[in-house]
């Protein structure tokens, strides 16, 4: 691998970066890439937000989740290969 990272390299290491599992050299290569690639910078930002929301929702008591929302989530997880049906306009 060359001196810098590609977008694919950044995507493959995103979780390790956010979780603080990368060494100095890899963190530096990613930060250099993020300085010039706004798409990857946005991707890492979204990943950080997603992980924060997951942590926050894990701390939420289950009784605070509306039953209909929980049912929809569980149904979607049970059938991840299916696309959700479009909602009618109106």
Foldseek 3Di string as FASTA:
>chain_A
DDQADDLVRCVVCLVCVLVVNDDPSNVVRNVVVVVPDVVSVVVSVVVNVVVVVVVVVVPDDPVVDPPVVVVVVVVCVVPVVDDDDDDDDD
